[in-house]
Amino acid sequence: MEQQLTGILQELKNRYKNRWTQIWTKLEPEYSIIQKTLIKGEIPNSERLKQFKELSEHTFSGKLSIKQLKNKKLKEFLIKVKNWSSVEGLSREEIWKEKRIGASVITHWASLVNPNIFLPMWKNTMKRVSKILKLPPRFYASSNHPKQVESTLKLLKTIGEKIEAKNMLEIAYYLSKLEKTKLAAKHWQKISHRRERKPPTKIQKHRLKRKRRQKW
């Protein structure tokens, strides 16, 4: 799995590195302001966050909202992870017990504080990556499986170092571009062919049984 992911991410880096550099040049100043605000335990300006998401070109989810920061535990968690050098032990954090705070919310905000070890995990993106690359179920991270989230982040961090990505946000950007690869095109083409070959379901017509005439 690691070798396969490394190969595809290296291919995506070769293809989109220049574009990411342009995005990051515009993104970094906004990022630094939001990061400093979060580290202080404060809430970023909503307009700044909106602009940041637009500049990121789908690296960050549109569902990222400052309303999520009303959760005190999440704000405390973000202050805590700012100096982490590894996600080791992430799955044991109390934040996972909070309602409406799942893997996507946790990793999106954590990547704004510490992009060296966190990247924003989109549910749909992770599922597509798993399907296209035919990865084992343990790769797809969900809110109900914190250990999966931890192990997937570790794996992507290792790969990021191998391909010399500047940070995990760069990896997240490349993952969002997986749909544009030949591998993805082949995957969806196969699915399309299967659907075409599948015979249409026959609708059984219920015939009304005629009552036999009784003989007197």
N, C-alpha and C. Protein backbone atom coordinates (compact mmCIF):
# COMPACT_ATOMS: atom_id res chain seq x y z
N MET A 1 0.83 -1.21 0.00
CA MET A 1 0.00 0.00 0.00
C MET A 1 0.87 1.26 0.00
N GLU A 2 1.91 1.27 0.83
CA GLU A 2 2.78 2.44 0.91
C GLU A 2 3.49 2.71 -0.41
N GLN A 3 3.98 1.64 -1.03
CA GLN A 3 4.70 1.78 -2.30
C GLN A 3 3.78 2.33 -3.39
N GLN A 4 2.56 1.81 -3.43
CA GLN A 4 1.59 2.26 -4.43
C GLN A 4 1.23 3.73 -4.25
N LEU A 5 0.96 4.11 -3.01
CA LEU A 5 0.61 5.50 -2.70
C LEU A 5 1.77 6.45 -2.98
N THR A 6 2.97 6.00 -2.65
CA THR A 6 4.16 6.82 -2.89
C THR A 6 4.31 7.11 -4.38
N GLY A 7 4.12 6.07 -5.19
CA GLY A 7 4.24 6.21 -6.64
C GLY A 7 3.23 7.19 -7.22
N ILE A 8 1.98 7.06 -6.80
CA ILE A 8 0.92 7.92 -7.35
C ILE A 8 1.08 9.36 -6.87
N LEU A 9 1.50 9.55 -5.61
CA LEU A 9 1.69 10.91 -5.09
C LEU A 9 2.91 11.58 -5.72
N GLN A 10 3.93 10.79 -6.03
CA GLN A 10 5.10 11.34 -6.73
C GLN A 10 4.70 11.80 -8.14
N GLU A 11 3.85 10.99 -8.77
CA GLU A 11 3.36 11.33 -10.11
C GLU A 11 2.54 12.63 -10.07
N LEU A 12 1.69 12.75 -9.04
CA LEU A 12 0.86 13.95 -8.90
C LEU A 12 1.71 15.17 -8.55
N LYS A 13 2.77 14.95 -7.78
CA LYS A 13 3.67 16.06 -7.45
C LYS A 13 4.37 16.57 -8.71
N ASN A 14 4.85 15.65 -9.53
CA ASN A 14 5.52 16.03 -10.77
C ASN A 14 4.60 16.86 -11.67
N ARG A 15 3.33 16.53 -11.60
CA ARG A 15 2.34 17.17 -12.47
C ARG A 15 1.82 18.51 -11.92
N TYR A 16 1.66 18.56 -10.59
CA TYR A 16 0.99 19.73 -9.99
C TYR A 16 1.86 20.56 -9.04
N LYS A 17 3.13 20.26 -8.94
CA LYS A 17 4.01 20.98 -8.01
C LYS A 17 4.01 22.49 -8.27
N ASN A 18 4.15 22.88 -9.51
CA ASN A 18 4.20 24.31 -9.84
C ASN A 18 2.91 25.03 -9.45
N ARG A 19 1.79 24.35 -9.70
CA ARG A 19 0.50 24.95 -9.35
C ARG A 19 0.37 25.09 -7.84
N TRP A 20 0.80 24.06 -7.09
CA TRP A 20 0.73 24.14 -5.63
C TRP A 20 1.61 25.26 -5.09
N THR A 21 2.78 25.45 -5.68
CA THR A 21 3.68 26.53 -5.26
C THR A 21 3.00 27.89 -5.41
N GLN A 22 2.28 28.05 -6.51
CA GLN A 22 1.53 29.31 -6.74
C GLN A 22 0.42 29.49 -5.70
N ILE A 23 -0.28 28.40 -5.41
CA ILE A 23 -1.37 28.45 -4.43
C ILE A 23 -0.82 28.78 -3.05
N TRP A 24 0.26 28.10 -2.66
CA TRP A 24 0.84 28.28 -1.33
C TRP A 24 1.38 29.70 -1.14
N THR A 25 1.89 30.30 -2.20
CA THR A 25 2.40 31.68 -2.12
C THR A 25 1.28 32.63 -1.70
N LYS A 26 0.08 32.41 -2.24
CA LYS A 26 -1.07 33.24 -1.88
C LYS A 26 -1.67 32.82 -0.54
N LEU A 27 -1.59 31.53 -0.28
CA LEU A 27 -2.25 30.96 0.90
C LEU A 27 -1.49 31.21 2.21
N GLU A 28 -0.17 31.17 2.14
CA GLU A 28 0.65 31.21 3.36
C GLU A 28 0.41 32.44 4.25
N PRO A 29 0.31 33.66 3.70
CA PRO A 29 0.06 34.82 4.58
C PRO A 29 -1.25 34.69 5.36
N GLU A 30 -2.31 34.24 4.68
CA GLU A 30 -3.61 34.04 5.34
C GLU A 30 -3.51 32.92 6.36
N TYR A 31 -2.79 31.88 5.96
CA TYR A 31 -2.60 30.72 6.84
C TYR A 31 -1.92 31.13 8.15
N SER A 32 -0.88 31.91 8.06
CA SER A 32 -0.11 32.33 9.24
C SER A 32 -0.98 33.11 10.23
N ILE A 33 -1.85 33.97 9.70
CA ILE A 33 -2.74 34.77 10.56
C ILE A 33 -3.73 33.86 11.28
N ILE A 34 -4.34 32.92 10.53
CA ILE A 34 -5.31 31.99 11.12
C ILE A 34 -4.63 31.09 12.15
N GLN A 35 -3.43 30.62 11.83
CA GLN A 35 -2.68 29.75 12.74
C GLN A 35 -2.40 30.45 14.07
N LYS A 36 -1.91 31.68 14.02
CA LYS A 36 -1.60 32.44 15.24
C LYS A 36 -2.85 32.67 16.08
N THR A 37 -3.97 32.92 15.41
CA THR A 37 -5.25 33.15 16.10
C THR A 37 -5.68 31.90 16.85
N LEU A 38 -5.58 30.74 16.19
CA LEU A 38 -5.99 29.47 16.80
C LEU A 38 -5.09 29.08 17.97
N ILE A 39 -3.79 29.32 17.83
CA ILE A 39 -2.84 28.99 18.89
C ILE A 39 -3.12 29.79 20.16
N LYS A 40 -3.65 30.99 19.98
CA LYS A 40 -4.02 31.84 21.13
C LYS A 40 -5.33 31.40 21.78
N GLY A 41 -6.01 30.44 21.13
CA GLY A 41 -7.29 29.99 21.65
C GLY A 41 -8.44 30.88 21.22
N GLU A 42 -8.19 31.70 20.18
CA GLU A 42 -9.20 32.63 19.69
C GLU A 42 -9.84 32.09 18.40
N ILE A 43 -10.92 32.75 17.98
CA ILE A 43 -11.65 32.33 16.78
C ILE A 43 -11.30 33.24 15.61
N PRO A 44 -10.91 32.66 14.46
CA PRO A 44 -10.54 33.48 13.30
C PRO A 44 -11.73 34.25 12.73
N ASN A 45 -11.42 35.28 11.98
CA ASN A 45 -12.44 36.06 11.29
C ASN A 45 -13.11 35.19 10.21
N SER A 46 -14.44 35.19 10.17
CA SER A 46 -15.17 34.32 9.24
C SER A 46 -14.88 34.64 7.78
N GLU A 47 -14.73 35.92 7.46
CA GLU A 47 -14.43 36.31 6.08
C GLU A 47 -13.04 35.86 5.66
N ARG A 48 -12.11 35.95 6.61
CA ARG A 48 -10.74 35.50 6.32
C ARG A 48 -10.72 33.99 6.07
N LEU A 49 -11.48 33.25 6.88
CA LEU A 49 -11.55 31.80 6.71
C LEU A 49 -12.18 31.44 5.36
N LYS A 50 -13.20 32.17 4.98
CA LYS A 50 -13.88 31.94 3.70
C LYS A 50 -12.91 32.17 2.54
N GLN A 51 -12.17 33.26 2.62
CA GLN A 51 -11.19 33.58 1.57
C GLN A 51 -10.09 32.53 1.52
N PHE A 52 -9.68 32.07 2.69
CA PHE A 52 -8.64 31.04 2.79
C PHE A 52 -9.08 29.76 2.08
N LYS A 53 -10.31 29.33 2.32
CA LYS A 53 -10.84 28.11 1.70
C LYS A 53 -10.88 28.25 0.18
N GLU A 54 -11.25 29.42 -0.29
CA GLU A 54 -11.31 29.66 -1.74
C GLU A 54 -9.92 29.63 -2.36
N LEU A 55 -8.95 30.21 -1.67
CA LEU A 55 -7.57 30.23 -2.17
C LEU A 55 -6.95 28.83 -2.20
N SER A 56 -7.43 27.95 -1.31
CA SER A 56 -6.84 26.61 -1.19
C SER A 56 -7.21 25.69 -2.34
N GLU A 57 -8.16 26.10 -3.18
CA GLU A 57 -8.59 25.31 -4.34
C GLU A 57 -8.96 23.88 -3.96
N HIS A 58 -9.93 23.78 -3.07
CA HIS A 58 -10.52 22.50 -2.65
C HIS A 58 -9.61 21.63 -1.77
N THR A 59 -8.53 22.20 -1.28
CA THR A 59 -7.71 21.46 -0.32
C THR A 59 -8.46 21.37 1.01
N PHE A 60 -9.19 22.44 1.33
CA PHE A 60 -10.00 22.48 2.54
C PHE A 60 -11.48 22.42 2.18
N SER A 61 -12.24 21.73 3.01
CA SER A 61 -13.67 21.57 2.78
C SER A 61 -14.44 22.88 2.97
N GLY A 62 -15.47 23.05 2.16
CA GLY A 62 -16.34 24.22 2.29
C GLY A 62 -17.15 24.18 3.57
N LYS A 63 -17.22 23.00 4.20
CA LYS A 63 -17.99 22.82 5.43
C LYS A 63 -17.23 23.29 6.67
N LEU A 64 -15.96 23.63 6.49
CA LEU A 64 -15.17 24.15 7.61
C LEU A 64 -15.78 25.46 8.08
N SER A 65 -16.18 25.51 9.36
CA SER A 65 -16.90 26.68 9.86
C SER A 65 -16.42 27.08 11.25
N ILE A 66 -16.41 28.39 11.51
CA ILE A 66 -15.98 28.88 12.83
C ILE A 66 -16.96 28.45 13.93
N LYS A 67 -18.17 28.05 13.54
CA LYS A 67 -19.15 27.57 14.52
C LYS A 67 -18.63 26.34 15.25
N GLN A 68 -17.80 25.57 14.56
CA GLN A 68 -17.23 24.35 15.16
C GLN A 68 -16.31 24.69 16.33
N LEU A 69 -15.76 25.90 16.32
CA LEU A 69 -14.84 26.32 17.38
C LEU A 69 -15.55 26.77 18.65
N LYS A 70 -16.86 26.70 18.64
CA LYS A 70 -17.61 26.97 19.87
C LYS A 70 -17.41 25.84 20.87
N ASN A 71 -16.95 24.71 20.35
CA ASN A 71 -16.65 23.56 21.21
C ASN A 71 -15.34 23.82 21.95
N LYS A 72 -15.43 23.95 23.26
CA LYS A 72 -14.27 24.28 24.10
C LYS A 72 -13.18 23.22 24.00
N LYS A 73 -13.58 21.95 23.95
CA LYS A 73 -12.62 20.85 23.89
C LYS A 73 -11.80 20.90 22.60
N LEU A 74 -12.44 21.30 21.51
CA LEU A 74 -11.73 21.40 20.23
C LEU A 74 -10.69 22.50 20.29
N LYS A 75 -11.04 23.64 20.85
CA LYS A 75 -10.10 24.76 20.98
C LYS A 75 -8.90 24.37 21.84
N GLU A 76 -9.17 23.65 22.92
CA GLU A 76 -8.10 23.19 23.82
C GLU A 76 -7.20 22.18 23.10
N PHE A 77 -7.81 21.32 22.31
CA PHE A 77 -7.07 20.31 21.56
C PHE A 77 -6.11 20.98 20.57
N LEU A 78 -6.57 22.02 19.90
CA LEU A 78 -5.74 22.72 18.90
C LEU A 78 -4.52 23.38 19.53
N ILE A 79 -4.70 23.92 20.71
CA ILE A 79 -3.57 24.53 21.44
C ILE A 79 -2.57 23.45 21.83
N LYS A 80 -3.10 22.28 22.18
CA LYS A 80 -2.27 21.16 22.63
C LYS A 80 -1.40 20.59 21.50
N VAL A 81 -1.97 20.48 20.30
CA VAL A 81 -1.25 19.80 19.21
C VAL A 81 -0.27 20.70 18.45
N LYS A 82 -0.22 21.98 18.79
CA LYS A 82 0.63 22.91 18.02
C LYS A 82 2.11 22.50 18.03
N ASN A 83 2.55 21.86 19.13
CA ASN A 83 3.97 21.49 19.22
C ASN A 83 4.22 19.99 19.03
N TRP A 84 3.20 19.25 18.63
CA TRP A 84 3.38 17.82 18.41
C TRP A 84 4.34 17.59 17.24
N SER A 85 5.18 16.58 17.37
CA SER A 85 6.07 16.20 16.27
C SER A 85 5.60 14.91 15.60
N SER A 86 4.58 14.29 16.20
CA SER A 86 4.03 13.04 15.68
C SER A 86 2.57 12.92 16.12
N VAL A 87 1.79 12.15 15.36
CA VAL A 87 0.38 11.92 15.74
C VAL A 87 0.24 10.70 16.65
N GLU A 88 1.36 10.18 17.11
CA GLU A 88 1.34 9.03 18.02
C GLU A 88 0.48 9.36 19.24
N GLY A 89 -0.53 8.53 19.49
CA GLY A 89 -1.41 8.75 20.64
C GLY A 89 -2.64 9.58 20.33
N LEU A 90 -2.76 10.04 19.08
CA LEU A 90 -3.91 10.86 18.68
C LEU A 90 -5.24 10.15 18.97
N SER A 91 -5.28 8.85 18.70
CA SER A 91 -6.52 8.08 18.85
C SER A 91 -7.00 8.00 20.30
N ARG A 92 -6.12 8.32 21.25
CA ARG A 92 -6.50 8.23 22.67
C ARG A 92 -6.96 9.58 23.24
N GLU A 93 -6.97 10.61 22.41
CA GLU A 93 -7.37 11.94 22.87
C GLU A 93 -8.87 12.01 23.18
N GLU A 94 -9.21 12.82 24.17
CA GLU A 94 -10.61 12.97 24.60
C GLU A 94 -11.50 13.61 23.53
N ILE A 95 -10.90 14.30 22.60
CA ILE A 95 -11.66 15.02 21.58
C ILE A 95 -12.58 14.09 20.78
N TRP A 96 -12.22 12.82 20.66
CA TRP A 96 -13.01 11.86 19.90
C TRP A 96 -14.36 11.58 20.54
N LYS A 97 -14.49 11.90 21.81
CA LYS A 97 -15.75 11.64 22.53
C LYS A 97 -16.78 12.76 22.33
N GLU A 98 -16.33 13.86 21.75
CA GLU A 98 -17.22 15.01 21.55
C GLU A 98 -18.23 14.76 20.43
N LYS A 99 -19.46 15.19 20.65
CA LYS A 99 -20.50 15.04 19.63
C LYS A 99 -20.29 16.04 18.49
N ARG A 100 -20.58 15.58 17.28
CA ARG A 100 -20.46 16.40 16.07
C ARG A 100 -19.04 16.87 15.77
N ILE A 101 -18.08 16.23 16.41
CA ILE A 101 -16.67 16.54 16.13
C ILE A 101 -16.01 15.24 15.68
N GLY A 102 -15.97 15.04 14.36
CA GLY A 102 -15.42 13.81 13.81
C GLY A 102 -14.05 14.00 13.18
N ALA A 103 -13.64 13.00 12.43
CA ALA A 103 -12.30 13.00 11.82
C ALA A 103 -12.07 14.20 10.90
N SER A 104 -13.07 14.53 10.10
CA SER A 104 -12.93 15.65 9.16
C SER A 104 -12.72 16.98 9.89
N VAL A 105 -13.55 17.24 10.90
CA VAL A 105 -13.44 18.50 11.67
C VAL A 105 -12.10 18.56 12.40
N ILE A 106 -11.75 17.48 13.08
CA ILE A 106 -10.51 17.43 13.87
C ILE A 106 -9.29 17.67 12.98
N THR A 107 -9.19 16.92 11.87
CA THR A 107 -8.00 17.03 11.02
C THR A 107 -7.94 18.34 10.24
N HIS A 108 -9.10 18.87 9.86
CA HIS A 108 -9.11 20.16 9.16
C HIS A 108 -8.53 21.27 10.05
N TRP A 109 -9.04 21.37 11.28
CA TRP A 109 -8.57 22.43 12.18
C TRP A 109 -7.14 22.16 12.67
N ALA A 110 -6.83 20.90 12.93
CA ALA A 110 -5.47 20.57 13.40
C ALA A 110 -4.42 20.88 12.34
N SER A 111 -4.79 20.71 11.06
CA SER A 111 -3.83 21.01 9.98
C SER A 111 -3.58 22.51 9.85
N LEU A 112 -4.51 23.31 10.37
CA LEU A 112 -4.32 24.76 10.36
C LEU A 112 -3.37 25.21 11.47
N VAL A 113 -3.19 24.34 12.45
CA VAL A 113 -2.28 24.63 13.57
C VAL A 113 -0.93 23.97 13.36
N ASN A 114 -0.96 22.71 12.91
CA ASN A 114 0.28 21.95 12.75
C ASN A 114 0.25 21.17 11.43
N PRO A 115 0.60 21.82 10.32
CA PRO A 115 0.55 21.17 9.00
C PRO A 115 1.69 20.20 8.74
N ASN A 116 2.60 20.07 9.71
CA ASN A 116 3.71 19.13 9.53
C ASN A 116 3.26 17.68 9.74
N ILE A 117 2.19 17.49 10.53
CA ILE A 117 1.74 16.12 10.82
C ILE A 117 0.26 15.89 10.52
N PHE A 118 -0.49 16.96 10.28
CA PHE A 118 -1.92 16.83 9.99
C PHE A 118 -2.25 17.32 8.58
N LEU A 119 -3.23 16.67 7.97
CA LEU A 119 -3.80 17.18 6.73
C LEU A 119 -5.32 17.06 6.83
N PRO A 120 -6.05 17.92 6.12
CA PRO A 120 -7.51 17.87 6.18
C PRO A 120 -8.05 16.63 5.49
N MET A 121 -8.71 15.78 6.25
CA MET A 121 -9.27 14.54 5.69
C MET A 121 -10.74 14.73 5.32
N TRP A 122 -11.03 14.68 4.05
CA TRP A 122 -12.41 14.73 3.58
C TRP A 122 -12.91 13.30 3.48
N LYS A 123 -14.11 13.08 3.96
CA LYS A 123 -14.70 11.74 3.88
C LYS A 123 -14.76 11.26 2.43
N ASN A 124 -15.29 12.08 1.54
CA ASN A 124 -15.45 11.68 0.14
C ASN A 124 -14.11 11.47 -0.56
N THR A 125 -13.14 12.34 -0.27
CA THR A 125 -11.81 12.20 -0.88
C THR A 125 -11.15 10.91 -0.46
N MET A 126 -11.20 10.60 0.83
CA MET A 126 -10.55 9.40 1.34
C MET A 126 -11.21 8.14 0.77
N LYS A 127 -12.53 8.18 0.61
CA LYS A 127 -13.24 7.03 0.05
C LYS A 127 -12.87 6.83 -1.42
N ARG A 128 -12.77 7.94 -2.16
CA ARG A 128 -12.41 7.85 -3.58
C ARG A 128 -10.99 7.32 -3.75
N VAL A 129 -10.07 7.81 -2.92
CA VAL A 129 -8.68 7.35 -2.97
C VAL A 129 -8.64 5.84 -2.73
N SER A 130 -9.39 5.38 -1.74
CA SER A 130 -9.44 3.95 -1.41
C SER A 130 -9.96 3.12 -2.57
N LYS A 131 -11.04 3.60 -3.21
CA LYS A 131 -11.65 2.85 -4.32
C LYS A 131 -10.75 2.82 -5.55
N ILE A 132 -10.24 3.98 -5.93
CA ILE A 132 -9.43 4.08 -7.15
C ILE A 132 -8.15 3.26 -7.04
N LEU A 133 -7.50 3.34 -5.89
CA LEU A 133 -6.23 2.63 -5.70
C LEU A 133 -6.41 1.23 -5.13
N LYS A 134 -7.70 0.86 -4.88
CA LYS A 134 -8.02 -0.46 -4.31
C LYS A 134 -7.23 -0.72 -3.02
N LEU A 135 -7.26 0.27 -2.15
CA LEU A 135 -6.53 0.16 -0.88
C LEU A 135 -7.35 -0.63 0.13
N PRO A 136 -6.69 -1.27 1.10
CA PRO A 136 -7.41 -2.01 2.13
C PRO A 136 -8.28 -1.09 2.97
N PRO A 137 -9.34 -1.63 3.59
CA PRO A 137 -10.28 -0.82 4.39
C PRO A 137 -9.61 0.03 5.47
N ARG A 138 -8.47 -0.43 5.98
CA ARG A 138 -7.84 0.30 7.08
C ARG A 138 -7.33 1.69 6.66
N PHE A 139 -7.21 1.92 5.33
CA PHE A 139 -6.75 3.25 4.89
C PHE A 139 -7.83 4.30 5.08
N TYR A 140 -9.07 3.92 4.78
CA TYR A 140 -10.17 4.90 4.88
C TYR A 140 -10.44 5.22 6.34
N ALA A 141 -10.21 6.46 6.71
CA ALA A 141 -10.38 6.89 8.10
C ALA A 141 -11.77 7.46 8.33
N SER A 142 -12.43 7.02 9.38
CA SER A 142 -13.74 7.56 9.71
C SER A 142 -13.78 7.97 11.17
N SER A 143 -14.79 8.73 11.53
CA SER A 143 -14.92 9.26 12.88
C SER A 143 -15.04 8.16 13.93
N ASN A 144 -15.55 7.01 13.51
CA ASN A 144 -15.75 5.91 14.45
C ASN A 144 -14.49 5.09 14.66
N HIS A 145 -13.44 5.39 13.93
CA HIS A 145 -12.21 4.61 14.04
C HIS A 145 -10.99 5.53 14.17
N PRO A 146 -10.79 6.13 15.34
CA PRO A 146 -9.66 7.05 15.55
C PRO A 146 -8.30 6.43 15.24
N LYS A 147 -8.17 5.11 15.48
CA LYS A 147 -6.89 4.45 15.21
C LYS A 147 -6.58 4.45 13.72
N GLN A 148 -7.64 4.33 12.90
CA GLN A 148 -7.46 4.39 11.45
C GLN A 148 -6.95 5.77 11.04
N VAL A 149 -7.53 6.79 11.65
CA VAL A 149 -7.12 8.17 11.35
C VAL A 149 -5.64 8.35 11.68
N GLU A 150 -5.26 7.88 12.86
CA GLU A 150 -3.87 8.00 13.31
C GLU A 150 -2.91 7.27 12.36
N SER A 151 -3.24 6.03 12.01
CA SER A 151 -2.34 5.24 11.16
C SER A 151 -2.25 5.81 9.74
N THR A 152 -3.37 6.33 9.22
CA THR A 152 -3.37 6.92 7.88
C THR A 152 -2.54 8.20 7.84
N LEU A 153 -2.65 9.02 8.88
CA LEU A 153 -1.83 10.24 8.97
C LEU A 153 -0.34 9.90 9.04
N LYS A 154 -0.01 8.85 9.80
CA LYS A 154 1.39 8.41 9.90
C LYS A 154 1.91 7.99 8.53
N LEU A 155 1.08 7.21 7.82
CA LEU A 155 1.47 6.72 6.50
C LEU A 155 1.70 7.88 5.53
N LEU A 156 0.78 8.82 5.50
CA LEU A 156 0.90 9.96 4.58
C LEU A 156 2.06 10.87 4.95
N LYS A 157 2.37 10.95 6.23
CA LYS A 157 3.53 11.73 6.68
C LYS A 157 4.82 11.09 6.17
N THR A 158 4.90 9.77 6.29
CA THR A 158 6.07 9.02 5.81
C THR A 158 6.26 9.22 4.31
N ILE A 159 5.16 9.12 3.57
CA ILE A 159 5.22 9.30 2.12
C ILE A 159 5.59 10.74 1.76
N GLY A 160 5.04 11.69 2.51
CA GLY A 160 5.36 13.10 2.29
C GLY A 160 6.86 13.37 2.41
N GLU A 161 7.49 12.72 3.37
CA GLU A 161 8.94 12.88 3.56
C GLU A 161 9.70 12.25 2.39
N LYS A 162 9.20 11.12 1.90
CA LYS A 162 9.86 10.44 0.79
C LYS A 162 9.84 11.26 -0.49
N ILE A 163 8.71 11.91 -0.75
CA ILE A 163 8.61 12.68 -2.00
C ILE A 163 8.99 14.15 -1.79
N GLU A 164 9.46 14.45 -0.56
CA GLU A 164 9.95 15.79 -0.21
C GLU A 164 8.88 16.87 -0.36
N ALA A 165 7.70 16.58 0.17
CA ALA A 165 6.64 17.59 0.21
C ALA A 165 6.95 18.58 1.32
N LYS A 166 6.61 19.83 1.11
CA LYS A 166 6.92 20.87 2.11
C LYS A 166 6.16 20.65 3.40
N ASN A 167 4.89 20.27 3.27
CA ASN A 167 4.07 19.97 4.45
C ASN A 167 2.93 19.05 4.02
N MET A 168 2.07 18.71 4.98
CA MET A 168 0.98 17.78 4.70
C MET A 168 -0.14 18.42 3.87
N LEU A 169 -0.21 19.73 3.86
CA LEU A 169 -1.21 20.41 3.04
C LEU A 169 -0.92 20.18 1.56
N GLU A 170 0.35 20.08 1.24
CA GLU A 170 0.76 19.79 -0.14
C GLU A 170 0.27 18.40 -0.53
N ILE A 171 0.39 17.45 0.38
CA ILE A 171 -0.09 16.08 0.14
C ILE A 171 -1.61 16.09 -0.06
N ALA A 172 -2.31 16.85 0.77
CA ALA A 172 -3.77 16.94 0.67
C ALA A 172 -4.19 17.48 -0.71
N TYR A 173 -3.44 18.45 -1.20
CA TYR A 173 -3.73 19.04 -2.52
C TYR A 173 -3.57 17.99 -3.62
N TYR A 174 -2.49 17.21 -3.53
CA TYR A 174 -2.26 16.18 -4.54
C TYR A 174 -3.35 15.10 -4.50
N LEU A 175 -3.78 14.73 -3.30
CA LEU A 175 -4.85 13.73 -3.17
C LEU A 175 -6.14 14.22 -3.82
N SER A 176 -6.38 15.52 -3.73
CA SER A 176 -7.60 16.09 -4.33
C SER A 176 -7.55 16.05 -5.85
N LYS A 177 -6.35 15.84 -6.40
CA LYS A 177 -6.17 15.80 -7.85
C LYS A 177 -6.14 14.37 -8.40
N LEU A 178 -6.32 13.39 -7.55
CA LEU A 178 -6.24 11.99 -7.97
C LEU A 178 -7.25 11.66 -9.08
N GLU A 179 -8.40 12.32 -9.04
CA GLU A 179 -9.45 12.07 -10.04
C GLU A 179 -8.98 12.35 -11.47
N LYS A 180 -7.93 13.18 -11.61
CA LYS A 180 -7.48 13.58 -12.94
C LYS A 180 -6.38 12.68 -13.51
N THR A 181 -6.11 11.57 -12.83
CA THR A 181 -5.07 10.66 -13.30
C THR A 181 -5.67 9.60 -14.23
N LYS A 182 -4.82 8.95 -15.02
CA LYS A 182 -5.26 7.88 -15.92
C LYS A 182 -5.82 6.71 -15.11
N LEU A 183 -5.24 6.49 -13.95
CA LEU A 183 -5.68 5.40 -13.07
C LEU A 183 -7.13 5.59 -12.67
N ALA A 184 -7.48 6.83 -12.33
CA ALA A 184 -8.86 7.14 -11.94
C ALA A 184 -9.80 6.97 -13.13
N ALA A 185 -9.36 7.41 -14.30
CA ALA A 185 -10.18 7.29 -15.51
C ALA A 185 -10.48 5.82 -15.81
N LYS A 186 -9.47 4.96 -15.67
CA LYS A 186 -9.66 3.52 -15.90
C LYS A 186 -10.65 2.94 -14.90
N HIS A 187 -10.52 3.38 -13.65
CA HIS A 187 -11.40 2.87 -12.58
C HIS A 187 -12.86 3.18 -12.88
N TRP A 188 -13.16 4.44 -13.20
CA TRP A 188 -14.55 4.84 -13.46
C TRP A 188 -15.06 4.25 -14.78
N GLN A 189 -14.14 4.01 -15.73
CA GLN A 189 -14.53 3.40 -16.99
C GLN A 189 -14.99 1.96 -16.78
N LYS A 190 -14.27 1.25 -15.92
CA LYS A 190 -14.64 -0.14 -15.60
C LYS A 190 -16.01 -0.20 -14.96
N ILE A 191 -16.24 0.73 -14.02
CA ILE A 191 -17.53 0.77 -13.33
C ILE A 191 -18.65 1.07 -14.32
N SER A 192 -18.38 1.98 -15.26
CA SER A 192 -19.37 2.35 -16.27
C SER A 192 -19.72 1.15 -17.16
N HIS A 193 -18.69 0.36 -17.54
CA HIS A 193 -18.90 -0.81 -18.38
C HIS A 193 -19.71 -1.87 -17.65
N ARG A 194 -19.43 -2.02 -16.36
CA ARG A 194 -20.17 -3.01 -15.57
C ARG A 194 -21.65 -2.66 -15.53
N ARG A 195 -21.93 -1.37 -15.38
CA ARG A 195 -23.32 -0.93 -15.32
C ARG A 195 -24.04 -1.16 -16.65
N GLU A 196 -23.27 -0.96 -17.76
CA GLU A 196 -23.86 -1.14 -19.09
C GLU A 196 -24.16 -2.61 -19.36
N ARG A 197 -23.27 -3.50 -18.87
CA ARG A 197 -23.45 -4.94 -19.10
C ARG A 197 -24.53 -5.55 -18.22
N LYS A 198 -24.82 -4.89 -17.13
CA LYS A 198 -25.79 -5.43 -16.18
C LYS A 198 -27.17 -5.47 -16.82
N PRO A 199 -27.79 -6.67 -16.91
CA PRO A 199 -29.11 -6.77 -17.54
C PRO A 199 -30.17 -6.02 -16.75
N PRO A 200 -31.11 -5.41 -17.45
CA PRO A 200 -32.16 -4.68 -16.73
C PRO A 200 -33.03 -5.62 -15.91
N THR A 201 -33.44 -5.17 -14.79
CA THR A 201 -34.27 -6.00 -13.92
C THR A 201 -35.67 -6.13 -14.52
N LYS A 202 -36.15 -7.36 -14.57
CA LYS A 202 -37.46 -7.62 -15.13
C LYS A 202 -38.55 -7.31 -14.12
N ILE A 203 -39.50 -6.58 -14.58
CA ILE A 203 -40.63 -6.26 -13.72
C ILE A 203 -41.70 -7.32 -13.93
N GLN A 204 -41.96 -8.07 -12.92
CA GLN A 204 -42.95 -9.13 -13.02
C GLN A 204 -44.35 -8.56 -12.92
N LYS A 205 -45.12 -8.90 -13.91
CA LYS A 205 -46.51 -8.45 -13.88
C LYS A 205 -47.36 -9.48 -13.15
N HIS A 206 -48.06 -9.00 -12.19
CA HIS A 206 -48.92 -9.89 -11.43
C HIS A 206 -50.23 -10.09 -12.18
N ARG A 207 -50.41 -11.29 -12.65
CA ARG A 207 -51.64 -11.60 -13.38
C ARG A 207 -52.76 -11.96 -12.41
N LEU A 208 -53.89 -11.43 -12.72
CA LEU A 208 -55.05 -11.73 -11.89
C LEU A 208 -55.59 -13.11 -12.27
N LYS A 209 -55.67 -13.96 -11.30
CA LYS A 209 -56.20 -15.30 -11.55
C LYS A 209 -57.72 -15.25 -11.67
N ARG A 210 -58.18 -15.83 -12.76
CA ARG A 210 -59.62 -15.88 -12.93
C ARG A 210 -60.22 -16.97 -12.04
N LYS A 211 -61.29 -16.62 -11.45
CA LYS A 211 -61.96 -17.59 -10.59
C LYS A 211 -62.67 -18.63 -11.47
N ARG A 212 -62.47 -19.88 -11.11
CA ARG A 212 -63.16 -20.94 -11.85
C ARG A 212 -64.64 -20.94 -11.50
N ARG A 213 -65.40 -21.18 -12.55
CA ARG A 213 -66.84 -21.26 -12.31
C ARG A 213 -67.17 -22.53 -11.55
N GLN A 214 -67.91 -22.34 -10.55
CA GLN A 214 -68.29 -23.51 -9.75
C GLN A 214 -69.39 -24.31 -10.47
N LYS A 215 -69.23 -25.60 -10.45
CA LYS A 215 -70.23 -26.47 -11.08
C LYS A 215 -71.31 -26.80 -10.06
N TRP A 216 -72.51 -26.56 -10.42
CA TRP A 216 -73.63 -26.82 -9.51
C TRP A 216 -74.19 -28.21 -9.77
